[in-house]
Each structure stands twice: as C-alpha cells, then as structure tokens.
C-alpha cells in the first residue's frame, strides 16, 4: 500500500486521519481511492476535470509530482505521498 499524508487543514475531511493507506499503480488511482473513501476532501484537492487544484502540491518522497509525470506518476508499495496545500495570507 501507498501512504498519503494528510496535512492538518485537510484532516477534517478524512475523519482526523493523519495518513491514509491506498492502493494503485499511479498517483491518479491513489487519489481516486482517497476521494472515494473520503468524498468530502475531493473539492479541496481536485478541480472538476480531475486535475489537482493549482494551489495543491503533491510530493512522492521529495519530488513534486508536477516535476514527474503528474497524476500519471507511477507509485509502488511503500511509497509515501504528501499533500501540501498552499497557504496564503497577508
């Protein structure tokens, strides 16, 4: 299984879970499983077309998936994904 680490601002949408274990050979399938199990998180991380929202970064290890193959990035058992929403303020 792959683990997706949920940041504090989004944990309310995963029942307070810090990490969610998901399966799938790509980031897209892992995110699909996450949003199927926790549908209320979906509008906070995905656009209506299924792409990540512009202010959401997703890292596989230390690499942003935007610098890899995006949602098509391959994942393997034991990989860790980290969701990081951008935070703005002034």
C-alpha atoms as a PDB file:
ATOM      1  CA  UNK A   1       0.000   0.000   0.000  1.00  0.00           C
ATOM      2  CA  UNK A   2       0.966   3.595  -0.531  1.00  0.00           C
ATOM      3  CA  UNK A   3       0.507   6.107   2.256  1.00  0.00           C
ATOM      4  CA  UNK A   4      -0.889   9.597   1.668  1.00  0.00           C
ATOM      5  CA  UNK A   5      -0.021  12.032   4.467  1.00  0.00           C
ATOM      6  CA  UNK A   6      -2.878  14.429   5.096  1.00  0.00           C
ATOM      7  CA  UNK A   7      -1.988  17.969   6.237  1.00  0.00           C
ATOM      8  CA  UNK A   8      -3.691  19.372   9.325  1.00  0.00           C
ATOM      9  CA  UNK A   9      -6.090  21.713   7.418  1.00  0.00           C
ATOM     10  CA  UNK A  10      -7.480  18.753   5.420  1.00  0.00           C
ATOM     11  CA  UNK A  11      -7.746  16.184   8.217  1.00  0.00           C
ATOM     12  CA  UNK A  12     -11.301  17.256   8.994  1.00  0.00           C
ATOM     13  CA  UNK A  13     -12.226  15.663   5.659  1.00  0.00           C
ATOM     14  CA  UNK A  14     -10.562  12.319   6.457  1.00  0.00           C
ATOM     15  CA  UNK A  15     -12.062  11.802   9.903  1.00  0.00           C
ATOM     16  CA  UNK A  16      -8.966  13.229  11.540  1.00  0.00           C
ATOM     17  CA  UNK A  17      -6.634  10.677   9.960  1.00  0.00           C
ATOM     18  CA  UNK A  18      -3.023  11.797   9.625  1.00  0.00           C
ATOM     19  CA  UNK A  19      -2.274   9.167   6.979  1.00  0.00           C
ATOM     20  CA  UNK A  20      -4.486   7.172   4.643  1.00  0.00           C
ATOM     21  CA  UNK A  21      -3.268   3.941   3.053  1.00  0.00           C
ATOM     22  CA  UNK A  22      -4.321   3.489  -0.565  1.00  0.00           C
ATOM     23  CA  UNK A  23      -3.568   1.105  -3.411  1.00  0.00           C
ATOM     24  CA  UNK A  24      -2.951   1.649  -7.094  1.00  0.00           C
ATOM     25  CA  UNK A  25      -0.122   1.791  -9.597  1.00  0.00           C
ATOM     26  CA  UNK A  26      -0.378   5.553 -10.219  1.00  0.00           C
ATOM     27  CA  UNK A  27      -0.912   8.713  -8.222  1.00  0.00           C
ATOM     28  CA  UNK A  28      -4.253   9.193 -10.021  1.00  0.00           C
ATOM     29  CA  UNK A  29      -5.542   5.837  -8.781  1.00  0.00           C
ATOM     30  CA  UNK A  30      -4.305   6.538  -5.258  1.00  0.00           C
ATOM     31  CA  UNK A  31      -6.102   9.897  -5.249  1.00  0.00           C
ATOM     32  CA  UNK A  32      -9.240   8.239  -6.645  1.00  0.00           C
ATOM     33  CA  UNK A  33      -9.220   5.766  -3.768  1.00  0.00           C
ATOM     34  CA  UNK A  34      -8.660   8.573  -1.256  1.00  0.00           C
ATOM     35  CA  UNK A  35     -11.555  10.623  -2.618  1.00  0.00           C
ATOM     36  CA  UNK A  36     -13.830   7.568  -2.871  1.00  0.00           C
ATOM     37  CA  UNK A  37     -13.243   6.708   0.777  1.00  0.00           C
ATOM     38  CA  UNK A  38     -13.328  10.365   1.893  1.00  0.00           C
ATOM     39  CA  UNK A  39     -15.518  12.206  -0.654  1.00  0.00           C
ATOM     40  CA  UNK A  40     -15.580  15.479   1.282  1.00  0.00           C
ATOM     41  CA  UNK A  41     -11.854  16.017   0.607  1.00  0.00           C
ATOM     42  CA  UNK A  42     -12.302  15.878  -3.167  1.00  0.00           C
ATOM     43  CA  UNK A  43     -13.328  19.515  -3.831  1.00  0.00           C
ATOM     44  CA  UNK A  44     -10.421  20.707  -1.713  1.00  0.00           C
ATOM     45  CA  UNK A  45      -7.743  18.920  -3.737  1.00  0.00           C
ATOM     46  CA  UNK A  46      -9.211  18.297  -7.212  1.00  0.00           C
ATOM     47  CA  UNK A  47     -10.705  20.502  -9.885  1.00  0.00           C
ATOM     48  CA  UNK A  48     -13.872  19.388 -11.647  1.00  0.00           C
ATOM     49  CA  UNK A  49     -11.790  17.977 -14.521  1.00  0.00           C
ATOM     50  CA  UNK A  50      -9.991  15.644 -12.088  1.00  0.00           C
ATOM     51  CA  UNK A  51      -6.682  17.530 -12.076  1.00  0.00           C
ATOM     52  CA  UNK A  52      -5.069  18.758  -8.873  1.00  0.00           C
ATOM     53  CA  UNK A  53      -6.090  22.243  -7.876  1.00  0.00           C
ATOM     54  CA  UNK A  54      -3.354  24.775  -8.722  1.00  0.00           C
ATOM     55  CA  UNK A  55      -2.713  25.514  -5.045  1.00  0.00           C
ATOM     56  CA  UNK A  56      -2.289  21.853  -4.083  1.00  0.00           C
ATOM     57  CA  UNK A  57       1.135  20.236  -4.293  1.00  0.00           C
ATOM     58  CA  UNK A  58       1.608  16.509  -4.060  1.00  0.00           C
ATOM     59  CA  UNK A  59       5.016  15.037  -3.380  1.00  0.00           C
ATOM     60  CA  UNK A  60       6.231  11.499  -3.954  1.00  0.00           C
ATOM     61  CA  UNK A  61       9.066  11.324  -1.499  1.00  0.00           C
ATOM     62  CA  UNK A  62      10.879  14.616  -2.004  1.00  0.00           C
ATOM     63  CA  UNK A  63       9.764  15.202  -5.597  1.00  0.00           C
ATOM     64  CA  UNK A  64       6.736  17.217  -6.622  1.00  0.00           C
ATOM     65  CA  UNK A  65       4.651  15.081  -8.994  1.00  0.00           C
ATOM     66  CA  UNK A  66       4.333  18.178 -11.214  1.00  0.00           C
ATOM     67  CA  UNK A  67       8.045  17.697 -11.944  1.00  0.00           C
ATOM     68  CA  UNK A  68       7.497  13.992 -12.697  1.00  0.00           C
ATOM     69  CA  UNK A  69       4.525  12.710 -14.719  1.00  0.00           C
ATOM     70  CA  UNK A  70       1.783  14.469 -12.793  1.00  0.00           C
ATOM     71  CA  UNK A  71      -1.115  12.232 -11.826  1.00  0.00           C
ATOM     72  CA  UNK A  72       0.290   9.543 -14.144  1.00  0.00           C
ATOM     73  CA  UNK A  73       3.358   9.196 -11.901  1.00  0.00           C
ATOM     74  CA  UNK A  74       3.919   5.549 -11.014  1.00  0.00           C
ATOM     75  CA  UNK A  75       3.886   4.544  -7.372  1.00  0.00           C
ATOM     76  CA  UNK A  76       4.898   1.357  -5.643  1.00  0.00           C
ATOM     77  CA  UNK A  77       4.061  -0.335  -2.390  1.00  0.00           C
ATOM     78  CA  UNK A  78       5.684   1.527   0.464  1.00  0.00           C
ATOM     79  CA  UNK A  79       5.808   4.884  -1.326  1.00  0.00           C
ATOM     80  CA  UNK A  80       4.737   7.910   0.655  1.00  0.00           C
ATOM     81  CA  UNK A  81       2.761  10.755  -0.857  1.00  0.00           C
ATOM     82  CA  UNK A  82       2.494  14.112   0.868  1.00  0.00           C
ATOM     83  CA  UNK A  83      -0.340  16.549   0.155  1.00  0.00           C
ATOM     84  CA  UNK A  84       0.641  20.159   0.700  1.00  0.00           C
ATOM     85  CA  UNK A  85      -1.963  22.871   0.137  1.00  0.00           C
ATOM     86  CA  UNK A  86      -0.558  26.344  -0.446  1.00  0.00           C
ATOM     87  CA  UNK A  87      -1.435  28.799   2.259  1.00  0.00           C
ATOM     88  CA  UNK A  88      -1.793  32.482   1.516  1.00  0.00           C
ATOM     89  CA  UNK A  89      -2.167  35.325   3.866  1.00  0.00           C
ATOM     90  CA  UNK A  90      -1.298  38.878   4.365  1.00  0.00           C
END
